PDB file of N, CA and C in Angstrom:
ATOM      1  N   MET A   1       5.229   7.283 -76.595  1.00  0.00           N
ATOM      2  CA  MET A   1       6.564   7.775 -76.908  1.00  0.00           C
ATOM      3  C   MET A   1       6.737   9.191 -76.351  1.00  0.00           C
ATOM      4  N   THR A   2       7.895   9.465 -75.801  1.00  0.00           N
ATOM      5  CA  THR A   2       8.192  10.765 -75.198  1.00  0.00           C
ATOM      6  C   THR A   2       8.633  11.743 -76.278  1.00  0.00           C
ATOM      7  N   GLU A   3       8.184  12.990 -76.117  1.00  0.00           N
ATOM      8  CA  GLU A   3       8.619  14.025 -77.057  1.00  0.00           C
ATOM      9  C   GLU A   3      10.111  14.266 -76.904  1.00  0.00           C
ATOM     10  N   PRO A   4      10.842  14.504 -78.017  1.00  0.00           N
ATOM     11  CA  PRO A   4      12.301  14.705 -77.930  1.00  0.00           C
ATOM     12  C   PRO A   4      12.703  15.835 -76.986  1.00  0.00           C
ATOM     13  N   GLY A   5      11.989  16.934 -76.990  1.00  0.00           N
ATOM     14  CA  GLY A   5      12.336  18.055 -76.119  1.00  0.00           C
ATOM     15  C   GLY A   5      12.213  17.713 -74.652  1.00  0.00           C
ATOM     16  N   VAL A   6      11.194  16.931 -74.308  1.00  0.00           N
ATOM     17  CA  VAL A   6      10.982  16.541 -72.915  1.00  0.00           C
ATOM     18  C   VAL A   6      12.083  15.587 -72.469  1.00  0.00           C
ATOM     19  N   GLU A   7      12.440  14.645 -73.325  1.00  0.00           N
ATOM     20  CA  GLU A   7      13.495  13.690 -72.997  1.00  0.00           C
ATOM     21  C   GLU A   7      14.831  14.402 -72.797  1.00  0.00           C
ATOM     22  N   ASP A   8      15.137  15.357 -73.672  1.00  0.00           N
ATOM     23  CA  ASP A   8      16.381  16.115 -73.534  1.00  0.00           C
ATOM     24  C   ASP A   8      16.386  16.936 -72.242  1.00  0.00           C
ATOM     25  N   ALA A   9      15.248  17.533 -71.913  1.00  0.00           N
ATOM     26  CA  ALA A   9      15.161  18.326 -70.681  1.00  0.00           C
ATOM     27  C   ALA A   9      15.366  17.437 -69.452  1.00  0.00           C
ATOM     28  N   THR A  10      14.817  16.236 -69.491  1.00  0.00           N
ATOM     29  CA  THR A  10      14.990  15.311 -68.370  1.00  0.00           C
ATOM     30  C   THR A  10      16.449  14.910 -68.236  1.00  0.00           C
ATOM     31  N   ARG A  11      17.109  14.660 -69.343  1.00  0.00           N
ATOM     32  CA  ARG A  11      18.539  14.316 -69.294  1.00  0.00           C
ATOM     33  C   ARG A  11      19.350  15.464 -68.707  1.00  0.00           C
ATOM     34  N   ARG A  12      19.066  16.668 -69.160  1.00  0.00           N
ATOM     35  CA  ARG A  12      19.793  17.832 -68.634  1.00  0.00           C
ATOM     36  C   ARG A  12      19.531  18.004 -67.143  1.00  0.00           C
ATOM     37  N   THR A  13      18.302  17.764 -66.725  1.00  0.00           N
ATOM     38  CA  THR A  13      17.965  17.890 -65.313  1.00  0.00           C
ATOM     39  C   THR A  13      18.693  16.836 -64.485  1.00  0.00           C
ATOM     40  N   ARG A  14      18.790  15.627 -64.991  1.00  0.00           N
ATOM     41  CA  ARG A  14      19.520  14.571 -64.266  1.00  0.00           C
ATOM     42  C   ARG A  14      21.009  14.925 -64.160  1.00  0.00           C
ATOM     43  N   LEU A  15      21.571  15.446 -65.234  1.00  0.00           N
ATOM     44  CA  LEU A  15      22.978  15.855 -65.185  1.00  0.00           C
ATOM     45  C   LEU A  15      23.179  17.023 -64.219  1.00  0.00           C
ATOM     46  N   ALA A  16      22.241  17.959 -64.222  1.00  0.00           N
ATOM     47  CA  ALA A  16      22.315  19.077 -63.277  1.00  0.00           C
ATOM     48  C   ALA A  16      22.211  18.564 -61.841  1.00  0.00           C
ATOM     49  N   ASN A  17      21.375  17.556 -61.640  1.00  0.00           N
ATOM     50  CA  ASN A  17      21.250  16.963 -60.306  1.00  0.00           C
ATOM     51  C   ASN A  17      22.567  16.330 -59.871  1.00  0.00           C
ATOM     52  N   GLU A  18      23.260  15.668 -60.796  1.00  0.00           N
ATOM     53  CA  GLU A  18      24.567  15.093 -60.471  1.00  0.00           C
ATOM     54  C   GLU A  18      25.575  16.177 -60.103  1.00  0.00           C
ATOM     55  N   ARG A  19      25.581  17.273 -60.863  1.00  0.00           N
ATOM     56  CA  ARG A  19      26.507  18.369 -60.559  1.00  0.00           C
ATOM     57  C   ARG A  19      26.178  18.995 -59.205  1.00  0.00           C
ATOM     58  N   THR A  20      24.892  19.119 -58.913  1.00  0.00           N
ATOM     59  CA  THR A  20      24.484  19.682 -57.633  1.00  0.00           C
ATOM     60  C   THR A  20      24.885  18.762 -56.484  1.00  0.00           C
ATOM     61  N   TYR A  21      24.754  17.453 -56.689  1.00  0.00           N
ATOM     62  CA  TYR A  21      25.173  16.496 -55.670  1.00  0.00           C
ATOM     63  C   TYR A  21      26.668  16.654 -55.384  1.00  0.00           C
ATOM     64  N   LEU A  22      27.458  16.807 -56.444  1.00  0.00           N
ATOM     65  CA  LEU A  22      28.897  17.016 -56.254  1.00  0.00           C
ATOM     66  C   LEU A  22      29.181  18.336 -55.541  1.00  0.00           C
ATOM     67  N   ALA A  23      28.365  19.348 -55.782  1.00  0.00           N
ATOM     68  CA  ALA A  23      28.531  20.627 -55.081  1.00  0.00           C
ATOM     69  C   ALA A  23      28.261  20.459 -53.582  1.00  0.00           C
ATOM     70  N   TRP A  24      27.256  19.660 -53.229  1.00  0.00           N
ATOM     71  CA  TRP A  24      27.007  19.365 -51.815  1.00  0.00           C
ATOM     72  C   TRP A  24      28.241  18.702 -51.213  1.00  0.00           C
ATOM     73  N   TRP A  25      28.832  17.754 -51.955  1.00  0.00           N
ATOM     74  CA  TRP A  25      30.042  17.081 -51.476  1.00  0.00           C
ATOM     75  C   TRP A  25      31.193  18.066 -51.296  1.00  0.00           C
ATOM     76  N   ARG A  26      31.393  18.947 -52.286  1.00  0.00           N
ATOM     77  CA  ARG A  26      32.471  19.934 -52.170  1.00  0.00           C
ATOM     78  C   ARG A  26      32.257  20.813 -50.940  1.00  0.00           C
ATOM     79  N   THR A  27      31.023  21.193 -50.691  1.00  0.00           N
ATOM     80  CA  THR A  27      30.724  22.018 -49.527  1.00  0.00           C
ATOM     81  C   THR A  27      31.001  21.246 -48.240  1.00  0.00           C
ATOM     82  N   GLY A  28      30.627  19.974 -48.206  1.00  0.00           N
ATOM     83  CA  GLY A  28      30.912  19.145 -47.040  1.00  0.00           C
ATOM     84  C   GLY A  28      32.403  18.988 -46.810  1.00  0.00           C
ATOM     85  N   LEU A  29      33.150  18.732 -47.888  1.00  0.00           N
ATOM     86  CA  LEU A  29      34.601  18.594 -47.762  1.00  0.00           C
ATOM     87  C   LEU A  29      35.244  19.899 -47.294  1.00  0.00           C
ATOM     88  N   THR A  30      34.712  21.021 -47.747  1.00  0.00           N
ATOM     89  CA  THR A  30      35.223  22.317 -47.286  1.00  0.00           C
ATOM     90  C   THR A  30      34.976  22.477 -45.791  1.00  0.00           C
ATOM     91  N   ALA A  31      33.791  22.081 -45.337  1.00  0.00           N
ATOM     92  CA  ALA A  31      33.502  22.170 -43.903  1.00  0.00           C
ATOM     93  C   ALA A  31      34.439  21.262 -43.107  1.00  0.00           C
ATOM     94  N   PHE A  32      34.783  20.086 -43.663  1.00  0.00           N
ATOM     95  CA  PHE A  32      35.735  19.200 -42.985  1.00  0.00           C
ATOM     96  C   PHE A  32      37.109  19.870 -42.893  1.00  0.00           C
ATOM     97  N   ALA A  33      37.524  20.523 -43.964  1.00  0.00           N
ATOM     98  CA  ALA A  33      38.823  21.203 -43.960  1.00  0.00           C
ATOM     99  C   ALA A  33      38.834  22.345 -42.939  1.00  0.00           C
ATOM    100  N   VAL A  34      37.758  23.101 -42.884  1.00  0.00           N
ATOM    101  CA  VAL A  34      37.652  24.179 -41.902  1.00  0.00           C
ATOM    102  C   VAL A  34      37.671  23.582 -40.492  1.00  0.00           C
ATOM    103  N   SER A  35      37.035  22.435 -40.335  1.00  0.00           N
ATOM    104  CA  SER A  35      37.027  21.755 -39.043  1.00  0.00           C
ATOM    105  C   SER A  35      38.445  21.466 -38.561  1.00  0.00           C
ATOM    106  N   VAL A  36      39.264  20.925 -39.438  1.00  0.00           N
ATOM    107  CA  VAL A  36      40.653  20.630 -39.076  1.00  0.00           C
ATOM    108  C   VAL A  36      41.414  21.925 -38.808  1.00  0.00           C
ATOM    109  N   GLY A  37      41.189  22.923 -39.651  1.00  0.00           N
ATOM    110  CA  GLY A  37      41.894  24.194 -39.475  1.00  0.00           C
ATOM    111  C   GLY A  37      41.568  24.868 -38.167  1.00  0.00           C
ATOM    112  N   VAL A  38      40.279  24.994 -37.879  1.00  0.00           N
ATOM    113  CA  VAL A  38      39.859  25.684 -36.659  1.00  0.00           C
ATOM    114  C   VAL A  38      40.152  24.837 -35.421  1.00  0.00           C
ATOM    115  N   GLY A  39      39.890  23.541 -35.518  1.00  0.00           N
ATOM    116  CA  GLY A  39      39.995  22.684 -34.341  1.00  0.00           C
ATOM    117  C   GLY A  39      41.390  22.204 -34.005  1.00  0.00           C
ATOM    118  N   ARG A  40      42.284  22.135 -35.010  1.00  0.00           N
ATOM    119  CA  ARG A  40      43.618  21.584 -34.755  1.00  0.00           C
ATOM    120  C   ARG A  40      44.756  22.547 -35.100  1.00  0.00           C
ATOM    121  N   LEU A  41      44.657  23.206 -36.233  1.00  0.00           N
ATOM    122  CA  LEU A  41      45.787  24.030 -36.680  1.00  0.00           C
ATOM    123  C   LEU A  41      45.851  25.378 -35.975  1.00  0.00           C
ATOM    124  N   VAL A  42      44.737  26.066 -35.874  1.00  0.00           N
ATOM    125  CA  VAL A  42      44.733  27.401 -35.264  1.00  0.00           C
ATOM    126  C   VAL A  42      45.172  27.359 -33.801  1.00  0.00           C
ATOM    127  N   PRO A  43      44.683  26.412 -32.995  1.00  0.00           N
ATOM    128  CA  PRO A  43      45.108  26.397 -31.586  1.00  0.00           C
ATOM    129  C   PRO A  43      46.615  26.234 -31.403  1.00  0.00           C
ATOM    130  N   GLU A  44      47.283  25.644 -32.378  1.00  0.00           N
ATOM    131  CA  GLU A  44      48.737  25.484 -32.288  1.00  0.00           C
ATOM    132  C   GLU A  44      49.466  26.831 -32.389  1.00  0.00           C
ATOM    133  N   HIS A  45      48.777  27.831 -32.929  1.00  0.00           N
ATOM    134  CA  HIS A  45      49.417  29.133 -33.177  1.00  0.00           C
ATOM    135  C   HIS A  45      48.840  30.248 -32.317  1.00  0.00           C
ATOM    136  N   THR A  46      48.224  29.877 -31.227  1.00  0.00           N
ATOM    137  CA  THR A  46      47.655  30.887 -30.341  1.00  0.00           C
ATOM    138  C   THR A  46      47.921  30.503 -28.889  1.00  0.00           C
ATOM    139  N   ASP A  47      47.884  31.500 -28.041  1.00  0.00           N
ATOM    140  CA  ASP A  47      48.068  31.252 -26.608  1.00  0.00           C
ATOM    141  C   ASP A  47      46.729  31.074 -25.893  1.00  0.00           C
ATOM    142  N   ALA A  48      45.633  31.207 -26.642  1.00  0.00           N
ATOM    143  CA  ALA A  48      44.296  31.088 -26.046  1.00  0.00           C
ATOM    144  C   ALA A  48      44.001  29.628 -25.693  1.00  0.00           C
ATOM    145  N   ALA A  49      42.969  29.442 -24.916  1.00  0.00           N
ATOM    146  CA  ALA A  49      42.542  28.090 -24.548  1.00  0.00           C
ATOM    147  C   ALA A  49      42.178  27.302 -25.808  1.00  0.00           C
ATOM    148  N   ARG A  50      42.517  26.041 -25.825  1.00  0.00           N
ATOM    149  CA  ARG A  50      42.285  25.187 -27.001  1.00  0.00           C
ATOM    150  C   ARG A  50      40.818  24.788 -27.175  1.00  0.00           C
ATOM    151  N   TRP A  51      40.133  24.564 -26.051  1.00  0.00           N
ATOM    152  CA  TRP A  51      38.813  23.945 -26.137  1.00  0.00           C
ATOM    153  C   TRP A  51      37.800  24.720 -26.974  1.00  0.00           C
ATOM    154  N   PRO A  52      37.772  26.055 -26.949  1.00  0.00           N
ATOM    155  CA  PRO A  52      36.778  26.726 -27.802  1.00  0.00           C
ATOM    156  C   PRO A  52      37.023  26.446 -29.289  1.00  0.00           C
ATOM    157  N   PHE A  53      38.281  26.397 -29.688  1.00  0.00           N
ATOM    158  CA  PHE A  53      38.607  26.106 -31.080  1.00  0.00           C
ATOM    159  C   PHE A  53      38.226  24.669 -31.431  1.00  0.00           C
ATOM    160  N   GLU A  54      38.461  23.765 -30.490  1.00  0.00           N
ATOM    161  CA  GLU A  54      38.117  22.362 -30.730  1.00  0.00           C
ATOM    162  C   GLU A  54      36.603  22.174 -30.857  1.00  0.00           C
ATOM    163  N   VAL A  55      35.835  22.880 -30.035  1.00  0.00           N
ATOM    164  CA  VAL A  55      34.378  22.779 -30.098  1.00  0.00           C
ATOM    165  C   VAL A  55      33.865  23.322 -31.429  1.00  0.00           C
ATOM    166  N   VAL A  56      34.352  24.497 -31.825  1.00  0.00           N
ATOM    167  CA  VAL A  56      33.914  25.079 -33.100  1.00  0.00           C
ATOM    168  C   VAL A  56      34.388  24.206 -34.264  1.00  0.00           C
ATOM    169  N   GLY A  57      35.603  23.690 -34.171  1.00  0.00           N
ATOM    170  CA  GLY A  57      36.093  22.790 -35.214  1.00  0.00           C
ATOM    171  C   GLY A  57      35.235  21.548 -35.346  1.00  0.00           C
ATOM    172  N   ALA A  58      34.880  20.954 -34.213  1.00  0.00           N
ATOM    173  CA  ALA A  58      34.008  19.774 -34.245  1.00  0.00           C
ATOM    174  C   ALA A  58      32.644  20.114 -34.837  1.00  0.00           C
ATOM    175  N   ALA A  59      32.136  21.302 -34.514  1.00  0.00           N
ATOM    176  CA  ALA A  59      30.846  21.719 -35.073  1.00  0.00           C
ATOM    177  C   ALA A  59      30.926  21.857 -36.594  1.00  0.00           C
ATOM    178  N   PHE A  60      32.048  22.363 -37.095  1.00  0.00           N
ATOM    179  CA  PHE A  60      32.216  22.413 -38.553  1.00  0.00           C
ATOM    180  C   PHE A  60      32.259  21.003 -39.140  1.00  0.00           C
ATOM    181  N   GLY A  61      32.843  20.051 -38.410  1.00  0.00           N
ATOM    182  CA  GLY A  61      32.834  18.667 -38.867  1.00  0.00           C
ATOM    183  C   GLY A  61      31.417  18.112 -38.957  1.00  0.00           C
ATOM    184  N   VAL A  62      30.602  18.411 -37.952  1.00  0.00           N
ATOM    185  CA  VAL A  62      29.201  17.985 -37.966  1.00  0.00           C
ATOM    186  C   VAL A  62      28.463  18.642 -39.132  1.00  0.00           C
ATOM    187  N   LEU A  63      28.749  19.913 -39.375  1.00  0.00           N
ATOM    188  CA  LEU A  63      28.137  20.598 -40.508  1.00  0.00           C
ATOM    189  C   LEU A  63      28.528  19.924 -41.823  1.00  0.00           C
ATOM    190  N   GLY A  64      29.788  19.519 -41.938  1.00  0.00           N
ATOM    191  CA  GLY A  64      30.222  18.800 -43.139  1.00  0.00           C
ATOM    192  C   GLY A  64      29.446  17.517 -43.340  1.00  0.00           C
ATOM    193  N   ILE A  65      29.236  16.777 -42.258  1.00  0.00           N
ATOM    194  CA  ILE A  65      28.435  15.554 -42.328  1.00  0.00           C
ATOM    195  C   ILE A  65      27.018  15.883 -42.780  1.00  0.00           C
ATOM    196  N   ALA A  66      26.458  16.961 -42.245  1.00  0.00           N
ATOM    197  CA  ALA A  66      25.106  17.374 -42.624  1.00  0.00           C
ATOM    198  C   ALA A  66      25.026  17.710 -44.108  1.00  0.00           C
ATOM    199  N   PHE A  67      26.038  18.393 -44.639  1.00  0.00           N
ATOM    200  CA  PHE A  67      26.035  18.729 -46.071  1.00  0.00           C
ATOM    201  C   PHE A  67      26.103  17.475 -46.941  1.00  0.00           C
ATOM    202  N   VAL A  68      26.941  16.530 -46.578  1.00  0.00           N
ATOM    203  CA  VAL A  68      27.055  15.300 -47.364  1.00  0.00           C
ATOM    204  C   VAL A  68      25.736  14.530 -47.311  1.00  0.00           C
ATOM    205  N   TRP A  69      25.153  14.427 -46.121  1.00  0.00           N
ATOM    206  CA  TRP A  69      23.880  13.730 -45.985  1.00  0.00           C
ATOM    207  C   TRP A  69      22.775  14.451 -46.746  1.00  0.00           C
ATOM    208  N   ALA A  70      22.693  15.773 -46.591  1.00  0.00           N
ATOM    209  CA  ALA A  70      21.645  16.540 -47.276  1.00  0.00           C
ATOM    210  C   ALA A  70      21.788  16.426 -48.782  1.00  0.00           C
ATOM    211  N   GLY A  71      23.011  16.425 -49.285  1.00  0.00           N
ATOM    212  CA  GLY A  71      23.224  16.271 -50.718  1.00  0.00           C
ATOM    213  C   GLY A  71      22.732  14.937 -51.222  1.00  0.00           C
ATOM    214  N   PHE A  72      23.006  13.879 -50.474  1.00  0.00           N
ATOM    215  CA  PHE A  72      22.537  12.550 -50.855  1.00  0.00           C
ATOM    216  C   PHE A  72      21.010  12.486 -50.847  1.00  0.00           C
ATOM    217  N   ALA A  73      20.415  12.984 -49.766  1.00  0.00           N
ATOM    218  CA  ALA A  73      18.953  12.967 -49.655  1.00  0.00           C
ATOM    219  C   ALA A  73      18.314  13.797 -50.757  1.00  0.00           C
ATOM    220  N   ARG A  74      18.906  14.945 -51.043  1.00  0.00           N
ATOM    221  CA  ARG A  74      18.365  15.831 -52.080  1.00  0.00           C
ATOM    222  C   ARG A  74      18.473  15.185 -53.463  1.00  0.00           C
ATOM    223  N   ALA A  75      19.621  14.581 -53.765  1.00  0.00           N
ATOM    224  CA  ALA A  75      19.799  13.936 -55.063  1.00  0.00           C
ATOM    225  C   ALA A  75      18.790  12.810 -55.250  1.00  0.00           C
ATOM    226  N   ARG A  76      18.570  12.033 -54.206  1.00  0.00           N
ATOM    227  CA  ARG A  76      17.581  10.944 -54.296  1.00  0.00           C
ATOM    228  C   ARG A  76      16.177  11.489 -54.493  1.00  0.00           C
ATOM    229  N   ALA A  77      15.837  12.554 -53.779  1.00  0.00           N
ATOM    230  CA  ALA A  77      14.496  13.139 -53.904  1.00  0.00           C
ATOM    231  C   ALA A  77      14.264  13.677 -55.315  1.00  0.00           C
ATOM    232  N   VAL A  78      15.278  14.320 -55.880  1.00  0.00           N
ATOM    233  CA  VAL A  78      15.133  14.857 -57.241  1.00  0.00           C
ATOM    234  C   VAL A  78      14.992  13.725 -58.246  1.00  0.00           C
ATOM    235  N   GLU A  79      15.794  12.678 -58.105  1.00  0.00           N
ATOM    236  CA  GLU A  79      15.683  11.534 -59.014  1.00  0.00           C
ATOM    237  C   GLU A  79      14.301  10.888 -58.917  1.00  0.00           C
ATOM    238  N   ARG A  80      13.807  10.726 -57.714  1.00  0.00           N
ATOM    239  CA  ARG A  80      12.474  10.147 -57.510  1.00  0.00           C
ATOM    240  C   ARG A  80      11.415  11.036 -58.160  1.00  0.00           C
ATOM    241  N   ALA A  81      11.538  12.337 -57.975  1.00  0.00           N
ATOM    242  CA  ALA A  81      10.577  13.266 -58.569  1.00  0.00           C
ATOM    243  C   ALA A  81      10.628  13.205 -60.098  1.00  0.00           C
ATOM    244  N   LEU A  82      11.822  13.107 -60.651  1.00  0.00           N
ATOM    245  CA  LEU A  82      11.940  12.996 -62.106  1.00  0.00           C
ATOM    246  C   LEU A  82      11.271  11.724 -62.610  1.00  0.00           C
ATOM    247  N   ASP A  83      11.457  10.623 -61.895  1.00  0.00           N
ATOM    248  CA  ASP A  83      10.818   9.359 -62.284  1.00  0.00           C
ATOM    249  C   ASP A  83       9.298   9.455 -62.239  1.00  0.00           C
ATOM    250  N   GLU A  84       8.799  10.241 -61.277  1.00  0.00           N
ATOM    251  CA  GLU A  84       7.352  10.382 -61.105  1.00  0.00           C
ATOM    252  C   GLU A  84       6.769  11.552 -61.890  1.00  0.00           C
ATOM    253  N   GLY A  85       7.629  12.361 -62.501  1.00  0.00           N
ATOM    254  CA  GLY A  85       7.147  13.523 -63.249  1.00  0.00           C
ATOM    255  C   GLY A  85       6.677  14.655 -62.355  1.00  0.00           C
ATOM    256  N   THR A  86       7.244  14.735 -61.158  1.00  0.00           N
ATOM    257  CA  THR A  86       6.869  15.800 -60.220  1.00  0.00           C
ATOM    258  C   THR A  86       8.093  16.658 -59.912  1.00  0.00           C
ATOM    259  N   PHE A  87       7.958  17.528 -58.920  1.00  0.00           N
ATOM    260  CA  PHE A  87       9.050  18.416 -58.522  1.00  0.00           C
ATOM    261  C   PHE A  87       9.388  18.159 -57.064  1.00  0.00           C
ATOM    262  N   ALA A  88      10.667  18.089 -56.758  1.00  0.00           N
ATOM    263  CA  ALA A  88      11.119  17.885 -55.377  1.00  0.00           C
ATOM    264  C   ALA A  88      11.594  19.220 -54.816  1.00  0.00           C
ATOM    265  N   ARG A  89      10.790  19.790 -53.976  1.00  0.00           N
ATOM    266  CA  ARG A  89      11.131  21.066 -53.357  1.00  0.00           C
ATOM    267  C   ARG A  89      12.061  20.839 -52.176  1.00  0.00           C
ATOM    268  N   PHE A  90      13.055  21.702 -52.030  1.00  0.00           N
ATOM    269  CA  PHE A  90      13.917  21.658 -50.847  1.00  0.00           C
ATOM    270  C   PHE A  90      13.178  22.409 -49.762  1.00  0.00           C
ATOM    271  N   GLY A  91      12.703  21.695 -48.782  1.00  0.00           N
ATOM    272  CA  GLY A  91      11.786  22.251 -47.794  1.00  0.00           C
ATOM    273  C   GLY A  91      12.369  23.344 -46.923  1.00  0.00           C
ATOM    274  N   PRO A  92      11.484  24.043 -46.234  1.00  0.00           N
ATOM    275  CA  PRO A  92      11.923  25.142 -45.376  1.00  0.00           C
ATOM    276  C   PRO A  92      12.687  24.672 -44.137  1.00  0.00           C
ATOM    277  N   LEU A  93      12.400  23.469 -43.629  1.00  0.00           N
ATOM    278  CA  LEU A  93      13.098  23.001 -42.430  1.00  0.00           C
ATOM    279  C   LEU A  93      14.584  22.776 -42.673  1.00  0.00           C
ATOM    280  N   PRO A  94      14.988  21.998 -43.703  1.00  0.00           N
ATOM    281  CA  PRO A  94      16.427  21.850 -43.915  1.00  0.00           C
ATOM    282  C   PRO A  94      17.104  23.174 -44.258  1.00  0.00           C
ATOM    283  N   THR A  95      16.402  24.023 -44.971  1.00  0.00           N
ATOM    284  CA  THR A  95      16.955  25.336 -45.294  1.00  0.00           C
ATOM    285  C   THR A  95      17.207  26.131 -44.013  1.00  0.00           C
ATOM    286  N   ALA A  96      16.233  26.123 -43.118  1.00  0.00           N
ATOM    287  CA  ALA A  96      16.359  26.864 -41.856  1.00  0.00           C
ATOM    288  C   ALA A  96      17.450  26.267 -40.974  1.00  0.00           C
ATOM    289  N   LEU A  97      17.551  24.938 -40.945  1.00  0.00           N
ATOM    290  CA  LEU A  97      18.586  24.297 -40.124  1.00  0.00           C
ATOM    291  C   LEU A  97      19.992  24.636 -40.626  1.00  0.00           C
ATOM    292  N   LEU A  98      20.181  24.586 -41.944  1.00  0.00           N
ATOM    293  CA  LEU A  98      21.498  24.932 -42.491  1.00  0.00           C
ATOM    294  C   LEU A  98      21.809  26.410 -42.278  1.00  0.00           C
ATOM    295  N   LEU A  99      20.805  27.256 -42.403  1.00  0.00           N
ATOM    296  CA  LEU A  99      20.994  28.681 -42.141  1.00  0.00           C
ATOM    297  C   LEU A  99      21.389  28.908 -40.683  1.00  0.00           C
ATOM    298  N   ALA A 100      20.678  28.273 -39.760  1.00  0.00           N
ATOM    299  CA  ALA A 100      20.974  28.435 -38.336  1.00  0.00           C
ATOM    300  C   ALA A 100      22.390  27.949 -38.011  1.00  0.00           C
ATOM    301  N   ALA A 101      22.766  26.804 -38.582  1.00  0.00           N
ATOM    302  CA  ALA A 101      24.113  26.281 -38.331  1.00  0.00           C
ATOM    303  C   ALA A 101      25.165  27.232 -38.884  1.00  0.00           C
ATOM    304  N   GLY A 102      24.944  27.738 -40.083  1.00  0.00           N
ATOM    305  CA  GLY A 102      25.900  28.673 -40.678  1.00  0.00           C
ATOM    306  C   GLY A 102      26.027  29.955 -39.880  1.00  0.00           C
ATOM    307  N   LEU A 103      24.901  30.491 -39.446  1.00  0.00           N
ATOM    308  CA  LEU A 103      24.944  31.718 -38.638  1.00  0.00           C
ATOM    309  C   LEU A 103      25.638  31.477 -37.295  1.00  0.00           C
ATOM    310  N   ALA A 104      25.294  30.371 -36.648  1.00  0.00           N
ATOM    311  CA  ALA A 104      25.903  30.069 -35.344  1.00  0.00           C
ATOM    312  C   ALA A 104      27.413  29.883 -35.474  1.00  0.00           C
ATOM    313  N   LEU A 105      27.842  29.151 -36.489  1.00  0.00           N
ATOM    314  CA  LEU A 105      29.275  28.941 -36.665  1.00  0.00           C
ATOM    315  C   LEU A 105      29.988  30.223 -37.084  1.00  0.00           C
ATOM    316  N   GLY A 106      29.339  31.033 -37.896  1.00  0.00           N
ATOM    317  CA  GLY A 106      29.926  32.313 -38.267  1.00  0.00           C
ATOM    318  C   GLY A 106      30.128  33.210 -37.062  1.00  0.00           C
ATOM    319  N   ILE A 107      29.122  33.266 -36.202  1.00  0.00           N
ATOM    320  CA  ILE A 107      29.236  34.062 -34.978  1.00  0.00           C
ATOM    321  C   ILE A 107      30.330  33.500 -34.077  1.00  0.00           C
ATOM    322  N   ALA A 108      30.406  32.166 -33.982  1.00  0.00           N
ATOM    323  CA  ALA A 108      31.433  31.539 -33.146  1.00  0.00           C
ATOM    324  C   ALA A 108      32.828  31.875 -33.643  1.00  0.00           C
ATOM    325  N   VAL A 109      33.018  31.881 -34.945  1.00  0.00           N
ATOM    326  CA  VAL A 109      34.325  32.216 -35.510  1.00  0.00           C
ATOM    327  C   VAL A 109      34.671  33.684 -35.226  1.00  0.00           C
ATOM    328  N   VAL A 110      33.696  34.563 -35.388  1.00  0.00           N
ATOM    329  CA  VAL A 110      33.935  35.978 -35.100  1.00  0.00           C
ATOM    330  C   VAL A 110      34.323  36.157 -33.630  1.00  0.00           C
ATOM    331  N   VAL A 111      33.631  35.470 -32.741  1.00  0.00           N
ATOM    332  CA  VAL A 111      33.953  35.555 -31.312  1.00  0.00           C
ATOM    333  C   VAL A 111      35.366  35.045 -31.057  1.00  0.00           C
ATOM    334  N   LEU A 112      35.726  33.913 -31.668  1.00  0.00           N
ATOM    335  CA  LEU A 112      37.091  33.386 -31.501  1.00  0.00           C
ATOM    336  C   LEU A 112      38.155  34.343 -32.009  1.00  0.00           C
ATOM    337  N   VAL A 113      37.876  34.968 -33.131  1.00  0.00           N
ATOM    338  CA  VAL A 113      38.848  35.924 -33.705  1.00  0.00           C
ATOM    339  C   VAL A 113      38.985  37.135 -32.790  1.00  0.00           C
ATOM    340  N   LEU A 114      37.871  37.653 -32.315  1.00  0.00           N
ATOM    341  CA  LEU A 114      37.924  38.845 -31.464  1.00  0.00           C
ATOM    342  C   LEU A 114      38.535  38.532 -30.093  1.00  0.00           C
ATOM    343  N   ALA A 115      38.296  37.331 -29.594  1.00  0.00           N
ATOM    344  CA  ALA A 115      38.824  36.953 -28.270  1.00  0.00           C
ATOM    345  C   ALA A 115      40.295  36.584 -28.354  1.00  0.00           C
ATOM    346  N   GLY A 116      40.749  36.185 -29.542  1.00  0.00           N
ATOM    347  CA  GLY A 116      42.139  35.723 -29.686  1.00  0.00           C
ATOM    348  C   GLY A 116      43.071  36.851 -29.801  1.00  0.00           C
TER     349      GLY A 116
END
């Protein structure tokens, strides 16, 4: 029989995992919205070439896909770890990839703003 405190902690952790999964989704949806804004809406209001905005917009779309996928993979890993009584660490590689994508897109946006 499981101790009541341990069972309650596991329930709270599963609920936290669900909330975190939804946060990954919100972040992905935000990246999709930025994708449309940068790639389609902004070029309509500028005299600059369209293609740089479209490329950066598409990259934000890819980032959104990455966030949705990473959230799903992370939620599954945490659930599996909870079932096994272990801990699912978010590894350094996905962290570094998301950091690199964020930095690259941030720099691209700054360049677009300064060039526009």
